[in-house]
């Protein structure tokens, strides 16, 4: 299945792991490739919550001067959360991970998401 969104998520995760070995050197080398894999995953399946999660997580840990930061990451993480709320795997063998990780990542976005702020007032 060469056009499977999940495969591109995994490819991006592998590149992310390579970056973690030496972020200062490898970030420039693999960062753009990783983002291209995420974009491809989102294009292939706009409802894949893992694609939005991993893109958001990557941006959360990318310095703002390199195009990352919480202001770019948090909307993607919120979108991922919304997609997980309606996500149903195609079978018991299909990927079904990530919802808990999204919740943890959203904690770094602040104590309240924009939708929660509106309901509290």
C-alpha atoms as a PDB file:
ATOM      1  CA  UNK A   1       0.000   0.000   0.000  1.00  0.00           C
ATOM      2  CA  UNK A   2       2.413   2.704  -1.168  1.00  0.00           C
ATOM      3  CA  UNK A   3      -0.183   5.478  -0.788  1.00  0.00           C
ATOM      4  CA  UNK A   4      -1.045   4.666   2.834  1.00  0.00           C
ATOM      5  CA  UNK A   5      -1.099   7.655   5.182  1.00  0.00           C
ATOM      6  CA  UNK A   6       0.126   5.557   8.125  1.00  0.00           C
ATOM      7  CA  UNK A   7       3.285   4.600   6.226  1.00  0.00           C
ATOM      8  CA  UNK A   8       4.138   8.275   5.766  1.00  0.00           C
ATOM      9  CA  UNK A   9       3.523   8.940   9.473  1.00  0.00           C
ATOM     10  CA  UNK A  10       5.996   6.169  10.297  1.00  0.00           C
ATOM     11  CA  UNK A  11       8.546   7.458   7.798  1.00  0.00           C
ATOM     12  CA  UNK A  12       8.311  10.882   9.417  1.00  0.00           C
ATOM     13  CA  UNK A  13       8.726   9.354  12.870  1.00  0.00           C
ATOM     14  CA  UNK A  14      11.879   7.566  11.719  1.00  0.00           C
ATOM     15  CA  UNK A  15      13.301  10.841  10.412  1.00  0.00           C
ATOM     16  CA  UNK A  16      12.362  12.493  13.719  1.00  0.00           C
ATOM     17  CA  UNK A  17      14.348   9.830  15.549  1.00  0.00           C
ATOM     18  CA  UNK A  18      17.344  10.540  13.349  1.00  0.00           C
ATOM     19  CA  UNK A  19      17.081  14.224  14.230  1.00  0.00           C
ATOM     20  CA  UNK A  20      17.103  13.440  17.960  1.00  0.00           C
ATOM     21  CA  UNK A  21      20.563  11.867  17.677  1.00  0.00           C
ATOM     22  CA  UNK A  22      22.059  15.325  17.031  1.00  0.00           C
ATOM     23  CA  UNK A  23      19.377  18.027  16.590  1.00  0.00           C
ATOM     24  CA  UNK A  24      21.796  20.847  15.790  1.00  0.00           C
ATOM     25  CA  UNK A  25      23.353  18.961  12.893  1.00  0.00           C
ATOM     26  CA  UNK A  26      20.605  16.642  11.755  1.00  0.00           C
ATOM     27  CA  UNK A  27      17.647  18.988  12.185  1.00  0.00           C
ATOM     28  CA  UNK A  28      18.521  20.857   9.042  1.00  0.00           C
ATOM     29  CA  UNK A  29      19.186  17.621   7.172  1.00  0.00           C
ATOM     30  CA  UNK A  30      16.072  15.647   8.125  1.00  0.00           C
ATOM     31  CA  UNK A  31      13.594  18.257   9.385  1.00  0.00           C
ATOM     32  CA  UNK A  32      12.252  19.280   5.983  1.00  0.00           C
ATOM     33  CA  UNK A  33      12.040  15.655   4.852  1.00  0.00           C
ATOM     34  CA  UNK A  34      10.057  14.767   7.966  1.00  0.00           C
ATOM     35  CA  UNK A  35       7.615  17.632   7.402  1.00  0.00           C
ATOM     36  CA  UNK A  36       7.178  16.576   3.771  1.00  0.00           C
ATOM     37  CA  UNK A  37       6.258  13.068   4.938  1.00  0.00           C
ATOM     38  CA  UNK A  38       3.701  14.526   7.371  1.00  0.00           C
ATOM     39  CA  UNK A  39       2.197  16.713   4.655  1.00  0.00           C
ATOM     40  CA  UNK A  40       1.915  13.680   2.388  1.00  0.00           C
ATOM     41  CA  UNK A  41       0.228  11.693   5.185  1.00  0.00           C
ATOM     42  CA  UNK A  42      -2.312  14.491   5.671  1.00  0.00           C
ATOM     43  CA  UNK A  43      -2.925  14.718   1.926  1.00  0.00           C
ATOM     44  CA  UNK A  44      -3.509  10.981   1.626  1.00  0.00           C
ATOM     45  CA  UNK A  45      -5.896  10.852   4.595  1.00  0.00           C
ATOM     46  CA  UNK A  46      -7.119  14.159   6.014  1.00  0.00           C
ATOM     47  CA  UNK A  47      -8.880  12.242   8.812  1.00  0.00           C
ATOM     48  CA  UNK A  48      -5.767  10.487  10.136  1.00  0.00           C
ATOM     49  CA  UNK A  49      -5.382  11.922  13.655  1.00  0.00           C
ATOM     50  CA  UNK A  50      -1.840  10.578  14.005  1.00  0.00           C
ATOM     51  CA  UNK A  51      -0.625  12.751  11.124  1.00  0.00           C
ATOM     52  CA  UNK A  52      -1.857  15.915  12.869  1.00  0.00           C
ATOM     53  CA  UNK A  53      -0.519  14.711  16.210  1.00  0.00           C
ATOM     54  CA  UNK A  54       2.971  14.023  14.935  1.00  0.00           C
ATOM     55  CA  UNK A  55       3.120  17.257  12.919  1.00  0.00           C
ATOM     56  CA  UNK A  56       1.985  19.186  16.007  1.00  0.00           C
ATOM     57  CA  UNK A  57       4.449  17.405  18.264  1.00  0.00           C
ATOM     58  CA  UNK A  58       7.289  18.079  15.834  1.00  0.00           C
ATOM     59  CA  UNK A  59       6.436  21.780  15.673  1.00  0.00           C
ATOM     60  CA  UNK A  60       6.087  21.944  19.451  1.00  0.00           C
ATOM     61  CA  UNK A  61       9.740  20.959  19.826  1.00  0.00           C
ATOM     62  CA  UNK A  62      11.003  22.984  16.872  1.00  0.00           C
ATOM     63  CA  UNK A  63      12.318  26.418  17.871  1.00  0.00           C
ATOM     64  CA  UNK A  64      10.224  29.358  16.591  1.00  0.00           C
ATOM     65  CA  UNK A  65      13.195  30.698  14.599  1.00  0.00           C
ATOM     66  CA  UNK A  66      13.037  27.475  12.561  1.00  0.00           C
ATOM     67  CA  UNK A  67       9.276  27.654  11.953  1.00  0.00           C
ATOM     68  CA  UNK A  68       8.022  25.838  15.056  1.00  0.00           C
ATOM     69  CA  UNK A  69       6.710  26.786  18.454  1.00  0.00           C
ATOM     70  CA  UNK A  70       3.528  26.361  20.448  1.00  0.00           C
ATOM     71  CA  UNK A  71       1.558  28.899  18.408  1.00  0.00           C
ATOM     72  CA  UNK A  72       1.973  26.698  15.318  1.00  0.00           C
ATOM     73  CA  UNK A  73       1.804  23.336  17.096  1.00  0.00           C
ATOM     74  CA  UNK A  74      -1.209  23.748  19.368  1.00  0.00           C
ATOM     75  CA  UNK A  75      -3.844  24.226  16.618  1.00  0.00           C
ATOM     76  CA  UNK A  76      -2.622  21.007  14.956  1.00  0.00           C
ATOM     77  CA  UNK A  77      -2.726  19.154  18.269  1.00  0.00           C
ATOM     78  CA  UNK A  78      -6.263  20.422  18.866  1.00  0.00           C
ATOM     79  CA  UNK A  79      -7.263  19.246  15.377  1.00  0.00           C
ATOM     80  CA  UNK A  80      -5.762  15.852  16.166  1.00  0.00           C
ATOM     81  CA  UNK A  81      -7.791  15.656  19.375  1.00  0.00           C
ATOM     82  CA  UNK A  82     -10.971  16.437  17.448  1.00  0.00           C
ATOM     83  CA  UNK A  83     -10.160  13.785  14.853  1.00  0.00           C
ATOM     84  CA  UNK A  84      -9.492  11.197  17.575  1.00  0.00           C
ATOM     85  CA  UNK A  85     -12.948  11.910  19.005  1.00  0.00           C
ATOM     86  CA  UNK A  86     -14.548  10.544  15.819  1.00  0.00           C
ATOM     87  CA  UNK A  87     -11.801   8.117  14.730  1.00  0.00           C
ATOM     88  CA  UNK A  88     -12.711   4.454  14.239  1.00  0.00           C
ATOM     89  CA  UNK A  89      -9.951   2.092  13.042  1.00  0.00           C
ATOM     90  CA  UNK A  90     -10.811   0.072   9.940  1.00  0.00           C
ATOM     91  CA  UNK A  91     -10.098  -3.182  11.813  1.00  0.00           C
ATOM     92  CA  UNK A  92      -8.507  -4.491  14.993  1.00  0.00           C
ATOM     93  CA  UNK A  93      -5.204  -4.673  13.094  1.00  0.00           C
ATOM     94  CA  UNK A  94      -5.188  -1.028  11.997  1.00  0.00           C
ATOM     95  CA  UNK A  95      -3.341   1.602  14.056  1.00  0.00           C
ATOM     96  CA  UNK A  96      -5.257   2.987  17.008  1.00  0.00           C
ATOM     97  CA  UNK A  97      -2.594   4.746  19.086  1.00  0.00           C
ATOM     98  CA  UNK A  98      -1.955   8.370  19.909  1.00  0.00           C
ATOM     99  CA  UNK A  99      -4.999   9.811  21.683  1.00  0.00           C
ATOM    100  CA  UNK A 100      -3.283   9.757  25.088  1.00  0.00           C
ATOM    101  CA  UNK A 101      -0.131  11.305  23.632  1.00  0.00           C
ATOM    102  CA  UNK A 102      -2.177  14.162  22.152  1.00  0.00           C
ATOM    103  CA  UNK A 103      -3.663  14.911  25.565  1.00  0.00           C
ATOM    104  CA  UNK A 104      -0.177  15.054  27.089  1.00  0.00           C
ATOM    105  CA  UNK A 105       1.112  17.317  24.312  1.00  0.00           C
ATOM    106  CA  UNK A 106      -1.871  19.662  24.701  1.00  0.00           C
ATOM    107  CA  UNK A 107      -0.906  20.203  28.343  1.00  0.00           C
ATOM    108  CA  UNK A 108       2.169  22.004  27.042  1.00  0.00           C
ATOM    109  CA  UNK A 109      -0.071  24.382  25.102  1.00  0.00           C
ATOM    110  CA  UNK A 110      -1.411  25.890  28.297  1.00  0.00           C
ATOM    111  CA  UNK A 111      -3.976  25.040  30.891  1.00  0.00           C
ATOM    112  CA  UNK A 112      -6.934  25.731  28.601  1.00  0.00           C
ATOM    113  CA  UNK A 113      -7.462  25.236  24.889  1.00  0.00           C
ATOM    114  CA  UNK A 114      -9.251  28.035  22.996  1.00  0.00           C
ATOM    115  CA  UNK A 115     -12.583  26.169  23.048  1.00  0.00           C
ATOM    116  CA  UNK A 116     -12.328  25.636  26.814  1.00  0.00           C
ATOM    117  CA  UNK A 117     -11.602  29.332  27.369  1.00  0.00           C
ATOM    118  CA  UNK A 118     -14.844  30.283  25.607  1.00  0.00           C
ATOM    119  CA  UNK A 119     -16.973  27.964  27.750  1.00  0.00           C
ATOM    120  CA  UNK A 120     -15.398  29.132  31.015  1.00  0.00           C
ATOM    121  CA  UNK A 121     -16.408  32.767  30.512  1.00  0.00           C
END
